[in-house]
Amino acid sequence: MKVGSKVICIDDSNWSPFVDQYFDKLPVKGCTYIVRRIIDDFVFNRAPGVALHTFYGNWKNWNSSLGITLYEEAHFRMNRFREVEDDQLEQMLDNAFMIKEDVEILQISNEPEHSNV
């Protein structure tokens, strides 16, 4: 994953109870986003983080696992997302909007097909 990568959210569960202090909105599972920044792991050996276009976290001082204070933007764990290639993204969009044209429409008639009268 790198800056400019297209990613799909694969986990939108178990947010911190304080997440609303850092973000106005959150990623949604199944939706695609573009990576704006990569943030190296600096807090207690968690996964590296990503900042996404359309999501801007509040900036604050964070204490690293080494006891260093870093001024950094709130971000999302990278393992909440999976990188998507352009052709995979196009295929996903095609499947989402696919209309089956082979559906037969059954008409029900109240009139009998054959009359014995």
N, C-alpha and C. Protein backbone atom coordinates (compact mmCIF):
# COMPACT_ATOMS: atom_id res chain seq x y z
N MET A 1 0.85 -1.16 0.00
CA MET A 1 0.00 0.00 0.00
C MET A 1 0.90 1.23 0.00
N LYS A 2 0.50 2.23 -0.78
CA LYS A 2 1.29 3.46 -0.87
C LYS A 2 0.34 4.64 -1.07
N VAL A 3 0.89 5.83 -1.00
CA VAL A 3 0.10 7.04 -1.24
C VAL A 3 -0.49 6.94 -2.65
N GLY A 4 -1.78 7.21 -2.77
CA GLY A 4 -2.47 7.12 -4.05
C GLY A 4 -3.14 5.78 -4.29
N SER A 5 -2.86 4.78 -3.46
CA SER A 5 -3.49 3.47 -3.61
C SER A 5 -4.98 3.57 -3.38
N LYS A 6 -5.72 2.78 -4.15
CA LYS A 6 -7.16 2.65 -3.91
C LYS A 6 -7.33 1.49 -2.95
N VAL A 7 -8.11 1.70 -1.90
CA VAL A 7 -8.32 0.67 -0.89
C VAL A 7 -9.80 0.48 -0.62
N ILE A 8 -10.15 -0.71 -0.17
CA ILE A 8 -11.52 -0.99 0.23
C ILE A 8 -11.50 -1.27 1.73
N CYS A 9 -12.47 -0.74 2.43
CA CYS A 9 -12.57 -0.96 3.87
C CYS A 9 -13.08 -2.38 4.09
N ILE A 10 -12.34 -3.17 4.88
CA ILE A 10 -12.74 -4.55 5.16
C ILE A 10 -13.15 -4.73 6.62
N ASP A 11 -12.96 -3.70 7.44
CA ASP A 11 -13.32 -3.79 8.86
C ASP A 11 -13.72 -2.42 9.38
N ASP A 12 -14.99 -2.25 9.65
CA ASP A 12 -15.46 -0.98 10.22
C ASP A 12 -16.07 -1.20 11.61
N SER A 13 -15.56 -2.22 12.31
CA SER A 13 -16.08 -2.55 13.63
C SER A 13 -15.09 -2.19 14.74
N ASN A 14 -15.57 -2.23 15.94
CA ASN A 14 -14.74 -2.05 17.14
C ASN A 14 -13.95 -0.75 17.15
N TRP A 15 -14.60 0.35 16.83
CA TRP A 15 -13.93 1.64 16.92
C TRP A 15 -13.71 1.98 18.39
N SER A 16 -12.71 2.77 18.65
CA SER A 16 -12.46 3.28 20.00
C SER A 16 -13.68 4.08 20.44
N PRO A 17 -14.02 4.04 21.72
CA PRO A 17 -15.15 4.85 22.19
C PRO A 17 -14.90 6.35 22.05
N PHE A 18 -13.65 6.73 21.80
CA PHE A 18 -13.29 8.15 21.68
C PHE A 18 -13.11 8.58 20.23
N VAL A 19 -13.46 7.72 19.28
CA VAL A 19 -13.19 8.00 17.87
C VAL A 19 -13.85 9.30 17.39
N ASP A 20 -15.01 9.64 17.96
CA ASP A 20 -15.70 10.86 17.53
C ASP A 20 -14.96 12.13 17.95
N GLN A 21 -13.97 12.00 18.82
CA GLN A 21 -13.14 13.15 19.17
C GLN A 21 -12.11 13.45 18.09
N TYR A 22 -11.86 12.47 17.23
CA TYR A 22 -10.82 12.61 16.21
C TYR A 22 -11.34 12.74 14.79
N PHE A 23 -12.55 12.20 14.53
CA PHE A 23 -13.10 12.20 13.17
C PHE A 23 -14.57 12.59 13.17
N ASP A 24 -14.98 13.31 12.12
CA ASP A 24 -16.40 13.65 11.95
C ASP A 24 -17.19 12.50 11.35
N LYS A 25 -16.52 11.67 10.55
CA LYS A 25 -17.15 10.51 9.93
C LYS A 25 -16.11 9.41 9.84
N LEU A 26 -16.59 8.18 9.60
CA LEU A 26 -15.71 7.02 9.58
C LEU A 26 -15.88 6.22 8.30
N PRO A 27 -14.85 5.47 7.91
CA PRO A 27 -14.97 4.60 6.73
C PRO A 27 -16.05 3.53 6.94
N VAL A 28 -16.61 3.08 5.84
CA VAL A 28 -17.67 2.08 5.87
C VAL A 28 -17.20 0.84 5.13
N LYS A 29 -17.42 -0.31 5.73
CA LYS A 29 -17.02 -1.58 5.13
C LYS A 29 -17.62 -1.71 3.74
N GLY A 30 -16.78 -2.10 2.78
CA GLY A 30 -17.22 -2.28 1.40
C GLY A 30 -17.04 -1.05 0.53
N CYS A 31 -16.76 0.10 1.12
CA CYS A 31 -16.56 1.33 0.35
C CYS A 31 -15.08 1.50 0.02
N THR A 32 -14.81 2.16 -1.10
CA THR A 32 -13.43 2.37 -1.53
C THR A 32 -12.98 3.80 -1.25
N TYR A 33 -11.68 3.93 -1.01
CA TYR A 33 -11.08 5.21 -0.65
C TYR A 33 -9.70 5.29 -1.30
N ILE A 34 -9.10 6.47 -1.24
CA ILE A 34 -7.75 6.68 -1.76
C ILE A 34 -6.85 7.09 -0.61
N VAL A 35 -5.68 6.45 -0.52
CA VAL A 35 -4.73 6.73 0.55
C VAL A 35 -4.08 8.08 0.31
N ARG A 36 -4.12 8.91 1.33
CA ARG A 36 -3.53 10.25 1.28
C ARG A 36 -2.15 10.27 1.92
N ARG A 37 -1.96 9.54 3.00
CA ARG A 37 -0.68 9.46 3.71
C ARG A 37 -0.54 8.08 4.34
N ILE A 38 0.70 7.66 4.52
CA ILE A 38 1.01 6.46 5.29
C ILE A 38 1.67 6.93 6.58
N ILE A 39 1.23 6.42 7.70
CA ILE A 39 1.80 6.81 8.99
C ILE A 39 2.46 5.58 9.60
N ASP A 40 3.77 5.68 9.85
CA ASP A 40 4.49 4.56 10.44
C ASP A 40 3.94 4.22 11.81
N ASP A 41 4.05 2.95 12.14
CA ASP A 41 3.65 2.48 13.47
C ASP A 41 4.51 3.17 14.52
N PHE A 42 3.88 3.80 15.47
CA PHE A 42 4.66 4.41 16.54
C PHE A 42 4.05 4.20 17.92
N VAL A 43 2.90 3.55 17.98
CA VAL A 43 2.24 3.35 19.27
C VAL A 43 2.08 1.86 19.57
N PHE A 44 2.85 1.34 20.46
CA PHE A 44 2.70 -0.01 20.99
C PHE A 44 2.61 -1.11 19.94
N ASN A 45 3.45 -1.02 18.92
CA ASN A 45 3.56 -2.06 17.89
C ASN A 45 2.24 -2.42 17.22
N ARG A 46 1.40 -1.44 17.00
CA ARG A 46 0.18 -1.67 16.24
C ARG A 46 0.51 -1.63 14.75
N ALA A 47 -0.49 -1.88 13.94
CA ALA A 47 -0.32 -1.82 12.49
C ALA A 47 -0.04 -0.39 12.07
N PRO A 48 0.72 -0.18 10.98
CA PRO A 48 0.88 1.18 10.46
C PRO A 48 -0.49 1.78 10.15
N GLY A 49 -0.53 3.08 9.99
CA GLY A 49 -1.79 3.75 9.77
C GLY A 49 -1.88 4.39 8.39
N VAL A 50 -3.09 4.74 8.03
CA VAL A 50 -3.33 5.44 6.76
C VAL A 50 -4.25 6.62 7.01
N ALA A 51 -3.98 7.69 6.30
CA ALA A 51 -4.88 8.83 6.23
C ALA A 51 -5.51 8.77 4.84
N LEU A 52 -6.80 8.96 4.78
CA LEU A 52 -7.54 8.81 3.52
C LEU A 52 -8.07 10.15 3.04
N HIS A 53 -8.17 10.28 1.72
CA HIS A 53 -8.85 11.46 1.18
C HIS A 53 -10.29 11.41 1.68
N THR A 54 -10.86 12.53 1.92
CA THR A 54 -12.23 12.76 2.45
C THR A 54 -12.32 12.58 3.96
N PHE A 55 -11.28 12.03 4.61
CA PHE A 55 -11.26 11.90 6.07
C PHE A 55 -10.04 12.65 6.58
N TYR A 56 -10.29 13.63 7.42
CA TYR A 56 -9.19 14.40 7.99
C TYR A 56 -9.30 14.32 9.50
N GLY A 57 -8.30 13.69 10.12
CA GLY A 57 -8.29 13.52 11.56
C GLY A 57 -7.72 14.75 12.26
N ASN A 58 -8.09 14.91 13.50
CA ASN A 58 -7.53 15.99 14.31
C ASN A 58 -6.06 15.70 14.59
N TRP A 59 -5.27 16.75 14.67
CA TRP A 59 -3.85 16.63 14.99
C TRP A 59 -3.69 16.79 16.49
N LYS A 60 -2.82 15.99 17.07
CA LYS A 60 -2.54 16.10 18.50
C LYS A 60 -1.21 15.45 18.82
N ASN A 61 -0.75 15.60 20.04
CA ASN A 61 0.48 14.94 20.49
C ASN A 61 0.15 13.51 20.90
N TRP A 62 0.92 12.57 20.38
CA TRP A 62 0.78 11.15 20.70
C TRP A 62 2.07 10.71 21.38
N ASN A 63 1.96 9.85 22.37
CA ASN A 63 3.15 9.28 23.00
C ASN A 63 3.48 7.96 22.33
N SER A 64 4.71 7.87 21.81
CA SER A 64 5.12 6.66 21.11
C SER A 64 5.49 5.57 22.12
N SER A 65 5.65 4.35 21.60
CA SER A 65 6.04 3.24 22.45
C SER A 65 7.45 3.44 23.02
N LEU A 66 8.23 4.33 22.42
CA LEU A 66 9.59 4.63 22.90
C LEU A 66 9.62 5.82 23.84
N GLY A 67 8.45 6.35 24.19
CA GLY A 67 8.38 7.47 25.10
C GLY A 67 8.60 8.82 24.43
N ILE A 68 8.56 8.85 23.11
CA ILE A 68 8.74 10.09 22.36
C ILE A 68 7.36 10.68 22.06
N THR A 69 7.22 11.98 22.21
CA THR A 69 5.96 12.64 21.88
C THR A 69 6.01 13.11 20.43
N LEU A 70 5.02 12.68 19.66
CA LEU A 70 4.94 13.03 18.24
C LEU A 70 3.66 13.81 17.99
N TYR A 71 3.76 14.84 17.16
CA TYR A 71 2.58 15.59 16.75
C TYR A 71 2.13 14.98 15.43
N GLU A 72 0.97 14.32 15.42
CA GLU A 72 0.53 13.57 14.24
C GLU A 72 -0.98 13.63 14.12
N GLU A 73 -1.43 13.45 12.88
CA GLU A 73 -2.86 13.41 12.58
C GLU A 73 -3.45 12.07 13.02
N ALA A 74 -4.65 12.09 13.58
CA ALA A 74 -5.36 10.84 13.87
C ALA A 74 -5.56 10.10 12.55
N HIS A 75 -5.44 8.80 12.58
CA HIS A 75 -5.49 8.01 11.35
C HIS A 75 -6.11 6.65 11.64
N PHE A 76 -6.27 5.85 10.60
CA PHE A 76 -6.88 4.54 10.72
C PHE A 76 -5.81 3.46 10.58
N ARG A 77 -6.00 2.33 11.28
CA ARG A 77 -5.07 1.22 11.14
C ARG A 77 -5.11 0.71 9.69
N MET A 78 -3.95 0.44 9.15
CA MET A 78 -3.86 -0.03 7.77
C MET A 78 -4.57 -1.36 7.58
N ASN A 79 -4.58 -2.20 8.60
CA ASN A 79 -5.19 -3.53 8.43
C ASN A 79 -6.72 -3.48 8.39
N ARG A 80 -7.31 -2.30 8.47
CA ARG A 80 -8.76 -2.16 8.25
C ARG A 80 -9.08 -2.08 6.75
N PHE A 81 -8.05 -2.04 5.90
CA PHE A 81 -8.23 -1.83 4.47
C PHE A 81 -7.43 -2.84 3.66
N ARG A 82 -7.89 -3.08 2.44
CA ARG A 82 -7.18 -3.93 1.50
C ARG A 82 -7.03 -3.15 0.21
N GLU A 83 -5.83 -3.22 -0.36
CA GLU A 83 -5.57 -2.50 -1.60
C GLU A 83 -6.35 -3.14 -2.74
N VAL A 84 -6.86 -2.31 -3.64
CA VAL A 84 -7.64 -2.77 -4.78
C VAL A 84 -6.98 -2.26 -6.05
N GLU A 85 -6.74 -3.15 -6.99
CA GLU A 85 -6.18 -2.76 -8.28
C GLU A 85 -7.29 -2.14 -9.13
N ASP A 86 -6.90 -1.30 -10.10
CA ASP A 86 -7.89 -0.62 -10.94
C ASP A 86 -8.84 -1.58 -11.63
N ASP A 87 -8.32 -2.69 -12.17
CA ASP A 87 -9.20 -3.63 -12.87
C ASP A 87 -10.14 -4.34 -11.90
N GLN A 88 -9.70 -4.58 -10.66
CA GLN A 88 -10.58 -5.16 -9.65
C GLN A 88 -11.69 -4.18 -9.30
N LEU A 89 -11.35 -2.90 -9.20
CA LEU A 89 -12.33 -1.87 -8.87
C LEU A 89 -13.38 -1.77 -9.97
N GLU A 90 -12.93 -1.78 -11.22
CA GLU A 90 -13.88 -1.72 -12.33
C GLU A 90 -14.80 -2.94 -12.32
N GLN A 91 -14.25 -4.13 -12.03
CA GLN A 91 -15.06 -5.34 -11.97
C GLN A 91 -16.09 -5.25 -10.85
N MET A 92 -15.67 -4.72 -9.69
CA MET A 92 -16.60 -4.56 -8.58
C MET A 92 -17.74 -3.62 -8.96
N LEU A 93 -17.43 -2.53 -9.65
CA LEU A 93 -18.46 -1.58 -10.05
C LEU A 93 -19.39 -2.20 -11.08
N ASP A 94 -18.82 -2.94 -12.03
CA ASP A 94 -19.65 -3.61 -13.03
C ASP A 94 -20.62 -4.58 -12.36
N ASN A 95 -20.13 -5.35 -11.40
CA ASN A 95 -20.99 -6.32 -10.72
C ASN A 95 -22.06 -5.62 -9.89
N ALA A 96 -21.73 -4.48 -9.31
CA ALA A 96 -22.69 -3.76 -8.48
C ALA A 96 -23.85 -3.21 -9.30
N PHE A 97 -23.59 -2.86 -10.55
CA PHE A 97 -24.63 -2.25 -11.37
C PHE A 97 -25.12 -3.16 -12.49
N MET A 98 -24.79 -4.44 -12.41
CA MET A 98 -25.19 -5.37 -13.46
C MET A 98 -26.70 -5.57 -13.44
N ILE A 99 -27.27 -5.52 -14.61
CA ILE A 99 -28.72 -5.76 -14.75
C ILE A 99 -28.89 -7.02 -15.58
N LYS A 100 -29.59 -7.96 -15.03
CA LYS A 100 -29.82 -9.19 -15.78
C LYS A 100 -30.91 -8.94 -16.81
N GLU A 101 -30.57 -9.19 -18.05
CA GLU A 101 -31.53 -8.97 -19.14
C GLU A 101 -32.26 -10.25 -19.52
N ASP A 102 -31.85 -11.36 -18.93
CA ASP A 102 -32.42 -12.65 -19.29
C ASP A 102 -33.63 -13.04 -18.44
N VAL A 103 -34.16 -12.10 -17.71
CA VAL A 103 -35.30 -12.40 -16.84
C VAL A 103 -36.56 -12.43 -17.69
N GLU A 104 -37.29 -13.51 -17.59
CA GLU A 104 -38.55 -13.61 -18.33
C GLU A 104 -39.68 -13.05 -17.49
N ILE A 105 -40.52 -12.31 -18.12
CA ILE A 105 -41.69 -11.76 -17.43
C ILE A 105 -42.87 -12.69 -17.67
N LEU A 106 -43.40 -13.17 -16.57
CA LEU A 106 -44.54 -14.08 -16.67
C LEU A 106 -45.83 -13.27 -16.58
N GLN A 107 -46.68 -13.50 -17.54
CA GLN A 107 -47.97 -12.82 -17.53
C GLN A 107 -49.04 -13.81 -17.10
N ILE A 108 -49.84 -13.38 -16.17
CA ILE A 108 -50.92 -14.24 -15.70
C ILE A 108 -52.22 -13.70 -16.27
N SER A 109 -52.95 -14.60 -16.93
CA SER A 109 -54.22 -14.21 -17.55
C SER A 109 -55.37 -14.90 -16.84
N ASN A 110 -56.46 -14.18 -16.68
CA ASN A 110 -57.65 -14.76 -16.07
C ASN A 110 -58.50 -15.50 -17.10
N GLU A 111 -58.18 -15.34 -18.37
CA GLU A 111 -58.94 -16.00 -19.42
C GLU A 111 -58.35 -17.38 -19.71
N PRO A 112 -59.19 -18.38 -19.85
CA PRO A 112 -58.66 -19.73 -20.19
C PRO A 112 -58.09 -19.73 -21.59
N GLU A 113 -57.09 -20.59 -21.77
CA GLU A 113 -56.44 -20.66 -23.09
C GLU A 113 -57.35 -21.32 -24.12
N HIS A 114 -58.12 -22.30 -23.68
CA HIS A 114 -59.03 -23.01 -24.59
C HIS A 114 -60.45 -22.94 -24.04
N SER A 115 -61.38 -22.75 -24.96
CA SER A 115 -62.78 -22.69 -24.53
C SER A 115 -63.51 -23.90 -25.04
N ASN A 116 -64.31 -24.52 -24.17
CA ASN A 116 -65.11 -25.68 -24.57
C ASN A 116 -66.53 -25.27 -24.95
N VAL A 117 -66.87 -24.02 -24.93
CA VAL A 117 -68.21 -23.60 -25.18
C VAL A 117 -68.46 -23.42 -26.65
